[in-house]
Amino acid sequence: HHSAAADLPMLQERDARIRLILGSLYGARSPVPTLSGTFYADAVLDAGARLTLMPEHQERGAYVAEGVIESDGHDCEVGTMLVFKNPRTSRIRVFTGFWLKCRYLILGRRMRSI
């Protein structure tokens, strides 16, 4: 299945521009079909901006593709993969560093109840 970039939802969350590639996030849904509750998105933030990942997905992560972000008191540079381990955390804040902008890929999935 192929979807053109123009068909993928572009979300604006505060100072973040997010292209939703796969799954659902912040109430939007990508036209790309999935077999699970997975999401995958490309986020671009301006310097000093923050993005909160809501707990709707119990497994969440972020890959730093450009710039530096700060998460949980740690600076994370290009090539860093963050895995947020606490599924009960109500909000995860990711901050940009001193760069003019930052780009990272966010991903996660919903866990099924047993």
C-alpha atoms as a PDB file:
ATOM      1  CA  HIS A   1       0.000   0.000   0.000  1.00  0.00           C
ATOM      2  CA  HIS A   2       1.331   3.450  -0.918  1.00  0.00           C
ATOM      3  CA  SER A   3       0.126   6.838   0.280  1.00  0.00           C
ATOM      4  CA  ALA A   4       1.419  10.113  -1.101  1.00  0.00           C
ATOM      5  CA  ALA A   5       3.033  12.512   1.400  1.00  0.00           C
ATOM      6  CA  ALA A   6       0.214  14.981   0.707  1.00  0.00           C
ATOM      7  CA  ASP A   7      -2.296  12.371   1.988  1.00  0.00           C
ATOM      8  CA  LEU A   8      -0.542  11.952   5.350  1.00  0.00           C
ATOM      9  CA  PRO A   9      -1.935  14.100   8.190  1.00  0.00           C
ATOM     10  CA  MET A  10       0.152  17.135   9.208  1.00  0.00           C
ATOM     11  CA  LEU A  11      -0.457  17.960  12.868  1.00  0.00           C
ATOM     12  CA  GLN A  12       0.392  21.112  14.768  1.00  0.00           C
ATOM     13  CA  GLU A  13       0.959  20.552  18.500  1.00  0.00           C
ATOM     14  CA  ARG A  14       2.065  23.822  20.102  1.00  0.00           C
ATOM     15  CA  ASP A  15       5.456  24.511  18.423  1.00  0.00           C
ATOM     16  CA  ALA A  16       5.775  21.081  16.789  1.00  0.00           C
ATOM     17  CA  ARG A  17       4.902  20.131  13.219  1.00  0.00           C
ATOM     18  CA  ILE A  18       4.228  16.414  12.999  1.00  0.00           C
ATOM     19  CA  ARG A  19       3.717  14.341   9.843  1.00  0.00           C
ATOM     20  CA  LEU A  20       1.809  11.208  10.867  1.00  0.00           C
ATOM     21  CA  ILE A  21       3.152   8.406   8.678  1.00  0.00           C
ATOM     22  CA  LEU A  22       1.510   5.380  10.260  1.00  0.00           C
ATOM     23  CA  GLY A  23      -1.218   4.717  12.829  1.00  0.00           C
ATOM     24  CA  SER A  24      -3.015   7.239  15.013  1.00  0.00           C
ATOM     25  CA  LEU A  25      -1.771  10.096  17.176  1.00  0.00           C
ATOM     26  CA  TYR A  26      -3.396  13.144  18.814  1.00  0.00           C
ATOM     27  CA  GLY A  27      -6.789  12.153  17.398  1.00  0.00           C
ATOM     28  CA  ALA A  28      -5.582  11.923  13.769  1.00  0.00           C
ATOM     29  CA  ARG A  29      -5.202   8.737  11.711  1.00  0.00           C
ATOM     30  CA  SER A  30      -2.866   7.983   8.827  1.00  0.00           C
ATOM     31  CA  PRO A  31      -4.415   6.425   5.700  1.00  0.00           C
ATOM     32  CA  VAL A  32      -1.674   3.745   5.775  1.00  0.00           C
ATOM     33  CA  PRO A  33      -3.250   0.504   7.080  1.00  0.00           C
ATOM     34  CA  THR A  34      -1.728  -1.239  10.122  1.00  0.00           C
ATOM     35  CA  LEU A  35      -2.403  -4.558  11.807  1.00  0.00           C
ATOM     36  CA  SER A  36      -1.653  -3.239  15.308  1.00  0.00           C
ATOM     37  CA  GLY A  37      -1.845  -0.065  17.383  1.00  0.00           C
ATOM     38  CA  THR A  38       1.537   1.136  16.107  1.00  0.00           C
ATOM     39  CA  PHE A  39       2.256   4.784  15.260  1.00  0.00           C
ATOM     40  CA  TYR A  40       5.184   6.392  13.457  1.00  0.00           C
ATOM     41  CA  ALA A  41       5.631  10.125  12.880  1.00  0.00           C
ATOM     42  CA  ASP A  42       8.190  12.715  11.799  1.00  0.00           C
ATOM     43  CA  ALA A  43       8.313  15.691  14.213  1.00  0.00           C
ATOM     44  CA  VAL A  44      10.042  19.041  13.628  1.00  0.00           C
ATOM     45  CA  LEU A  45      10.364  21.490  16.520  1.00  0.00           C
ATOM     46  CA  ASP A  46      11.772  25.007  16.716  1.00  0.00           C
ATOM     47  CA  ALA A  47      14.427  25.840  19.319  1.00  0.00           C
ATOM     48  CA  GLY A  48      12.982  25.950  22.825  1.00  0.00           C
ATOM     49  CA  ALA A  49       9.793  24.095  21.857  1.00  0.00           C
ATOM     50  CA  ARG A  50       8.470  21.050  23.665  1.00  0.00           C
ATOM     51  CA  LEU A  51       6.297  18.122  22.705  1.00  0.00           C
ATOM     52  CA  THR A  52       4.326  15.939  25.078  1.00  0.00           C
ATOM     53  CA  LEU A  53       3.697  12.319  24.128  1.00  0.00           C
ATOM     54  CA  MET A  54       0.421  11.260  25.660  1.00  0.00           C
ATOM     55  CA  PRO A  55       0.073   7.837  27.334  1.00  0.00           C
ATOM     56  CA  GLU A  56      -2.396   6.496  24.750  1.00  0.00           C
ATOM     57  CA  HIS A  57       0.499   4.350  23.514  1.00  0.00           C
ATOM     58  CA  GLN A  58       2.118   2.350  26.287  1.00  0.00           C
ATOM     59  CA  GLU A  59       5.340   1.826  24.342  1.00  0.00           C
ATOM     60  CA  ARG A  60       6.957   5.026  23.076  1.00  0.00           C
ATOM     61  CA  GLY A  61      10.297   6.067  21.697  1.00  0.00           C
ATOM     62  CA  ALA A  62      12.040   8.831  19.770  1.00  0.00           C
ATOM     63  CA  TYR A  63      14.985   8.786  17.376  1.00  0.00           C
ATOM     64  CA  VAL A  64      16.949  12.044  17.083  1.00  0.00           C
ATOM     65  CA  ALA A  65      17.509  12.721  13.372  1.00  0.00           C
ATOM     66  CA  GLU A  66      18.621  16.370  13.529  1.00  0.00           C
ATOM     67  CA  GLY A  67      19.629  18.734  16.351  1.00  0.00           C
ATOM     68  CA  VAL A  68      19.767  17.984  20.078  1.00  0.00           C
ATOM     69  CA  ILE A  69      16.852  17.279  22.375  1.00  0.00           C
ATOM     70  CA  GLU A  70      16.658  17.109  26.147  1.00  0.00           C
ATOM     71  CA  SER A  71      14.612  14.407  27.762  1.00  0.00           C
ATOM     72  CA  ASP A  72      14.455  13.583  31.446  1.00  0.00           C
ATOM     73  CA  GLY A  73      17.494  15.755  32.190  1.00  0.00           C
ATOM     74  CA  HIS A  74      19.696  14.182  29.489  1.00  0.00           C
ATOM     75  CA  ASP A  75      20.918  15.797  26.263  1.00  0.00           C
ATOM     76  CA  CYS A  76      20.376  13.474  23.313  1.00  0.00           C
ATOM     77  CA  GLU A  77      22.249  14.062  20.059  1.00  0.00           C
ATOM     78  CA  VAL A  78      21.759  12.879  16.480  1.00  0.00           C
ATOM     79  CA  GLY A  79      21.642   9.095  16.257  1.00  0.00           C
ATOM     80  CA  THR A  80      20.232   8.597  19.761  1.00  0.00           C
ATOM     81  CA  MET A  81      17.250   6.293  20.219  1.00  0.00           C
ATOM     82  CA  LEU A  82      15.231   7.060  23.343  1.00  0.00           C
ATOM     83  CA  VAL A  83      12.948   4.408  24.817  1.00  0.00           C
ATOM     84  CA  PHE A  84      10.455   5.648  27.369  1.00  0.00           C
ATOM     85  CA  LYS A  85      10.125   2.721  29.773  1.00  0.00           C
ATOM     86  CA  ASN A  86       7.392   3.831  32.172  1.00  0.00           C
ATOM     87  CA  PRO A  87       4.036   3.098  30.509  1.00  0.00           C
ATOM     88  CA  ARG A  88       2.177   4.855  33.314  1.00  0.00           C
ATOM     89  CA  THR A  89       3.884   8.211  32.762  1.00  0.00           C
ATOM     90  CA  SER A  90       1.084  10.592  31.874  1.00  0.00           C
ATOM     91  CA  ARG A  91       3.293  12.944  29.877  1.00  0.00           C
ATOM     92  CA  ILE A  92       6.742  12.794  28.377  1.00  0.00           C
ATOM     93  CA  ARG A  93       8.353  16.115  27.588  1.00  0.00           C
ATOM     94  CA  VAL A  94      10.975  16.362  24.881  1.00  0.00           C
ATOM     95  CA  PHE A  95      12.777  19.687  24.554  1.00  0.00           C
ATOM     96  CA  THR A  96      14.953  21.062  21.801  1.00  0.00           C
ATOM     97  CA  GLY A  97      18.430  22.254  22.649  1.00  0.00           C
ATOM     98  CA  PHE A  98      20.241  25.297  21.272  1.00  0.00           C
ATOM     99  CA  TRP A  99      19.696  24.395  17.623  1.00  0.00           C
ATOM    100  CA  LEU A 100      17.459  26.474  15.375  1.00  0.00           C
ATOM    101  CA  LYS A 101      15.289  23.421  14.904  1.00  0.00           C
ATOM    102  CA  CYS A 102      15.214  19.768  15.812  1.00  0.00           C
ATOM    103  CA  ARG A 103      13.804  16.787  13.936  1.00  0.00           C
ATOM    104  CA  TYR A 104      13.075  13.410  15.397  1.00  0.00           C
ATOM    105  CA  LEU A 105      11.007  10.370  14.628  1.00  0.00           C
ATOM    106  CA  ILE A 106       8.516   9.277  17.258  1.00  0.00           C
ATOM    107  CA  LEU A 107       7.013   5.838  17.433  1.00  0.00           C
ATOM    108  CA  GLY A 108       5.098   3.535  19.705  1.00  0.00           C
ATOM    109  CA  ARG A 109       2.250   1.110  20.019  1.00  0.00           C
ATOM    110  CA  ARG A 110      -0.744   0.295  22.122  1.00  0.00           C
ATOM    111  CA  MET A 111      -0.563  -2.870  24.174  1.00  0.00           C
ATOM    112  CA  ARG A 112      -3.496  -5.255  24.151  1.00  0.00           C
ATOM    113  CA  SER A 113      -5.100  -6.106  27.474  1.00  0.00           C
ATOM    114  CA  ILE A 114      -4.798  -9.743  28.475  1.00  0.00           C
END
